[in-house]
N, C-alpha and C. Protein backbone atom coordinates (compact mmCIF):
# COMPACT_ATOMS: atom_id res chain seq x y z
N UNK A 1 150.69 64.82 133.16
CA UNK A 1 151.95 65.29 132.62
C UNK A 1 152.63 64.13 131.91
N UNK A 2 153.25 64.38 130.74
CA UNK A 2 153.97 63.31 130.07
C UNK A 2 155.03 62.72 130.99
N UNK A 3 155.16 61.41 130.96
CA UNK A 3 156.05 60.75 131.89
C UNK A 3 157.49 60.68 131.41
N UNK A 4 157.74 60.73 130.13
CA UNK A 4 159.11 60.63 129.62
C UNK A 4 159.27 61.56 128.43
N UNK A 5 160.51 61.90 128.15
CA UNK A 5 160.78 62.70 126.97
C UNK A 5 160.67 64.19 127.24
N UNK A 6 160.71 64.94 126.16
CA UNK A 6 160.71 66.39 126.23
C UNK A 6 159.30 66.95 126.35
N UNK A 7 159.20 68.12 126.96
CA UNK A 7 157.95 68.86 126.99
C UNK A 7 158.19 70.24 126.38
N UNK A 8 157.13 70.94 126.16
CA UNK A 8 157.21 72.29 125.62
C UNK A 8 158.10 73.18 126.48
N UNK A 9 158.13 72.92 127.78
CA UNK A 9 158.94 73.72 128.70
C UNK A 9 160.44 73.52 128.48
N UNK A 10 160.84 72.46 127.76
CA UNK A 10 162.26 72.18 127.53
C UNK A 10 162.84 72.89 126.31
N UNK A 11 162.00 73.53 125.51
CA UNK A 11 162.47 74.16 124.29
C UNK A 11 163.22 75.45 124.56
N UNK A 12 164.08 75.83 123.62
CA UNK A 12 164.80 77.09 123.65
C UNK A 12 164.39 77.90 122.41
N UNK A 13 164.56 79.22 122.46
CA UNK A 13 164.18 80.05 121.32
C UNK A 13 164.77 79.54 120.01
N UNK A 14 163.91 79.53 118.98
CA UNK A 14 164.31 79.09 117.65
C UNK A 14 164.05 77.62 117.37
N UNK A 15 163.81 76.82 118.40
CA UNK A 15 163.58 75.39 118.20
C UNK A 15 162.16 75.15 117.69
N UNK A 16 162.01 74.08 116.90
CA UNK A 16 160.70 73.69 116.39
C UNK A 16 160.39 72.28 116.85
N UNK A 17 159.09 71.99 117.02
CA UNK A 17 158.69 70.69 117.52
C UNK A 17 157.27 70.38 117.07
N UNK A 18 156.90 69.13 117.27
CA UNK A 18 155.53 68.67 117.04
C UNK A 18 155.00 68.18 118.38
N UNK A 19 153.78 68.58 118.71
CA UNK A 19 153.17 68.12 119.96
C UNK A 19 152.76 66.66 119.78
N UNK A 20 153.21 65.81 120.71
CA UNK A 20 152.91 64.37 120.62
C UNK A 20 151.89 63.90 121.65
N UNK A 21 151.86 64.54 122.81
CA UNK A 21 150.90 64.18 123.86
C UNK A 21 150.44 65.44 124.59
N UNK A 22 149.23 65.38 125.12
CA UNK A 22 148.69 66.48 125.91
C UNK A 22 148.00 65.89 127.13
N UNK A 23 148.30 66.46 128.31
CA UNK A 23 147.60 66.09 129.54
C UNK A 23 146.60 67.21 129.84
N UNK A 24 145.30 66.99 129.58
CA UNK A 24 144.31 68.05 129.73
C UNK A 24 143.74 68.21 131.15
N UNK A 25 144.43 67.72 132.17
CA UNK A 25 143.91 67.79 133.54
C UNK A 25 143.73 69.23 134.03
N UNK A 26 144.58 70.15 133.60
CA UNK A 26 144.51 71.55 134.01
C UNK A 26 143.55 72.29 133.07
N UNK A 27 142.56 73.02 133.60
CA UNK A 27 141.64 73.77 132.73
C UNK A 27 142.37 74.77 131.83
N UNK A 28 143.50 75.31 132.28
CA UNK A 28 144.28 76.22 131.44
C UNK A 28 144.86 75.52 130.24
N UNK A 29 145.20 74.25 130.38
CA UNK A 29 145.72 73.46 129.26
C UNK A 29 144.61 73.25 128.23
N UNK A 30 143.39 73.01 128.69
CA UNK A 30 142.26 72.85 127.77
C UNK A 30 142.06 74.12 126.97
N UNK A 31 142.20 75.28 127.61
CA UNK A 31 142.08 76.56 126.89
C UNK A 31 143.14 76.67 125.81
N UNK A 32 144.37 76.24 126.12
CA UNK A 32 145.44 76.28 125.14
C UNK A 32 145.17 75.32 123.99
N UNK A 33 144.52 74.20 124.27
CA UNK A 33 144.16 73.26 123.21
C UNK A 33 143.18 73.90 122.24
N UNK A 34 142.24 74.68 122.76
CA UNK A 34 141.28 75.38 121.91
C UNK A 34 142.00 76.36 120.98
N UNK A 35 143.12 76.90 121.45
CA UNK A 35 143.90 77.84 120.64
C UNK A 35 144.80 77.14 119.62
N UNK A 36 144.83 75.80 119.63
CA UNK A 36 145.60 75.08 118.61
C UNK A 36 146.73 74.21 119.12
N UNK A 37 147.00 74.23 120.41
CA UNK A 37 148.07 73.38 120.95
C UNK A 37 147.50 71.98 121.19
N UNK A 38 147.45 71.20 120.13
CA UNK A 38 146.89 69.86 120.18
C UNK A 38 147.89 68.86 119.60
N UNK A 39 147.66 67.58 119.84
CA UNK A 39 148.54 66.55 119.29
C UNK A 39 148.64 66.70 117.78
N UNK A 40 149.87 66.64 117.27
CA UNK A 40 150.12 66.77 115.84
C UNK A 40 150.41 68.18 115.38
N UNK A 41 150.17 69.18 116.22
CA UNK A 41 150.42 70.57 115.84
C UNK A 41 151.92 70.85 115.78
N UNK A 42 152.34 71.59 114.76
CA UNK A 42 153.73 72.03 114.64
C UNK A 42 153.85 73.37 115.35
N UNK A 43 154.86 73.48 116.19
CA UNK A 43 155.06 74.71 116.95
C UNK A 43 156.49 75.19 116.79
N UNK A 44 156.67 76.48 116.96
CA UNK A 44 158.00 77.08 116.96
C UNK A 44 158.12 77.87 118.26
N UNK A 45 159.20 77.66 118.96
CA UNK A 45 159.44 78.38 120.21
C UNK A 45 160.04 79.73 119.85
N UNK A 46 159.41 80.81 120.28
CA UNK A 46 159.85 82.15 119.91
C UNK A 46 160.75 82.79 120.97
N UNK A 47 160.26 82.85 122.21
CA UNK A 47 161.00 83.60 123.23
C UNK A 47 160.41 83.32 124.60
N UNK A 48 161.06 83.87 125.62
CA UNK A 48 160.51 83.83 126.97
C UNK A 48 160.52 85.24 127.53
N UNK A 49 159.68 85.47 128.50
CA UNK A 49 159.68 86.75 129.19
C UNK A 49 160.89 86.80 130.11
N UNK A 50 161.19 87.98 130.62
CA UNK A 50 162.27 88.12 131.58
C UNK A 50 161.94 87.22 132.77
N UNK A 51 162.89 86.42 133.19
CA UNK A 51 162.65 85.47 134.27
C UNK A 51 162.25 84.10 133.78
N UNK A 52 162.00 83.97 132.47
CA UNK A 52 161.73 82.66 131.88
C UNK A 52 160.28 82.22 131.89
N UNK A 53 159.34 83.07 132.29
CA UNK A 53 157.93 82.67 132.31
C UNK A 53 157.08 83.90 132.07
N UNK A 54 156.16 83.90 131.11
CA UNK A 54 155.73 82.79 130.27
C UNK A 54 156.61 82.59 129.04
N UNK A 55 156.29 81.53 128.31
CA UNK A 55 156.96 81.18 127.07
C UNK A 55 156.10 81.68 125.91
N UNK A 56 156.73 82.05 124.82
CA UNK A 56 155.98 82.44 123.63
C UNK A 56 156.23 81.40 122.53
N UNK A 57 155.15 80.82 122.02
CA UNK A 57 155.26 79.85 120.94
C UNK A 57 154.38 80.30 119.78
N UNK A 58 154.72 79.83 118.60
CA UNK A 58 153.93 80.12 117.41
C UNK A 58 153.30 78.82 116.94
N UNK A 59 152.00 78.86 116.71
CA UNK A 59 151.26 77.70 116.21
C UNK A 59 150.21 78.20 115.22
N UNK A 60 150.15 77.61 114.05
CA UNK A 60 149.20 78.01 113.01
C UNK A 60 149.27 79.51 112.72
N UNK A 61 150.47 80.09 112.77
CA UNK A 61 150.67 81.49 112.44
C UNK A 61 150.35 82.47 113.55
N UNK A 62 149.93 81.99 114.71
CA UNK A 62 149.60 82.86 115.83
C UNK A 62 150.61 82.67 116.96
N UNK A 63 150.91 83.76 117.66
CA UNK A 63 151.79 83.67 118.83
C UNK A 63 150.92 83.50 120.07
N UNK A 64 151.32 82.55 120.93
CA UNK A 64 150.57 82.24 122.14
C UNK A 64 151.55 82.24 123.31
N UNK A 65 151.13 82.85 124.41
CA UNK A 65 151.92 82.81 125.65
C UNK A 65 151.44 81.65 126.50
N UNK A 66 152.40 80.87 127.01
CA UNK A 66 152.10 79.67 127.79
C UNK A 66 152.91 79.72 129.08
N UNK A 67 152.24 79.55 130.22
CA UNK A 67 152.98 79.47 131.48
C UNK A 67 153.82 78.21 131.50
N UNK A 68 155.00 78.30 132.05
CA UNK A 68 155.93 77.17 132.09
C UNK A 68 155.28 75.94 132.74
N UNK A 69 154.53 76.15 133.80
CA UNK A 69 153.86 75.03 134.47
C UNK A 69 152.91 74.29 133.52
N UNK A 70 152.15 75.04 132.72
CA UNK A 70 151.24 74.42 131.75
C UNK A 70 152.01 73.81 130.58
N UNK A 71 153.15 74.41 130.22
CA UNK A 71 153.95 73.89 129.11
C UNK A 71 154.42 72.47 129.38
N UNK A 72 154.55 72.11 130.66
CA UNK A 72 154.98 70.76 131.02
C UNK A 72 153.91 69.71 130.72
N UNK A 73 152.70 70.15 130.38
CA UNK A 73 151.62 69.22 130.05
C UNK A 73 151.62 68.82 128.58
N UNK A 74 152.53 69.39 127.79
CA UNK A 74 152.59 69.11 126.36
C UNK A 74 153.87 68.36 126.02
N UNK A 75 153.76 67.07 125.71
CA UNK A 75 154.89 66.28 125.26
C UNK A 75 155.21 66.64 123.82
N UNK A 76 156.49 66.66 123.47
CA UNK A 76 156.88 67.08 122.12
C UNK A 76 157.92 66.15 121.52
N UNK A 77 158.03 66.27 120.21
CA UNK A 77 159.10 65.63 119.44
C UNK A 77 159.78 66.75 118.66
N UNK A 78 161.09 66.87 118.80
CA UNK A 78 161.81 67.94 118.10
C UNK A 78 161.77 67.74 116.60
N UNK A 79 161.71 68.85 115.88
CA UNK A 79 161.83 68.85 114.43
C UNK A 79 163.24 69.35 114.12
N UNK A 80 164.05 68.49 113.56
CA UNK A 80 165.43 68.86 113.26
C UNK A 80 165.49 69.62 111.94
N UNK A 81 166.37 70.63 111.85
CA UNK A 81 166.50 71.38 110.60
C UNK A 81 167.00 70.47 109.48
N UNK A 82 166.49 70.72 108.31
CA UNK A 82 166.92 69.94 107.13
C UNK A 82 168.23 70.50 106.62
N UNK A 83 169.10 69.59 106.22
CA UNK A 83 170.36 70.02 105.62
C UNK A 83 170.17 70.12 104.11
N UNK A 84 170.75 71.12 103.52
CA UNK A 84 170.59 71.34 102.07
C UNK A 84 171.71 70.71 101.30
């Protein structure tokens, strides 16, 4: 698990981020990596299910559901909106 900073589990709907680190210790995290959740990937947080788990994120045009526990294995850097 990333030791400092934000993880995918910290995002709120509408926020965008770039994945900076991945802890592949959990086999479920490796499966998510195959789906595109890898270092350098741009993601958009879409929504959460009732109760807050799982999370829905968009990566490479696809929506992926991620359990909150696994989301903590993805370190992120927020992408701030550009001002016009």
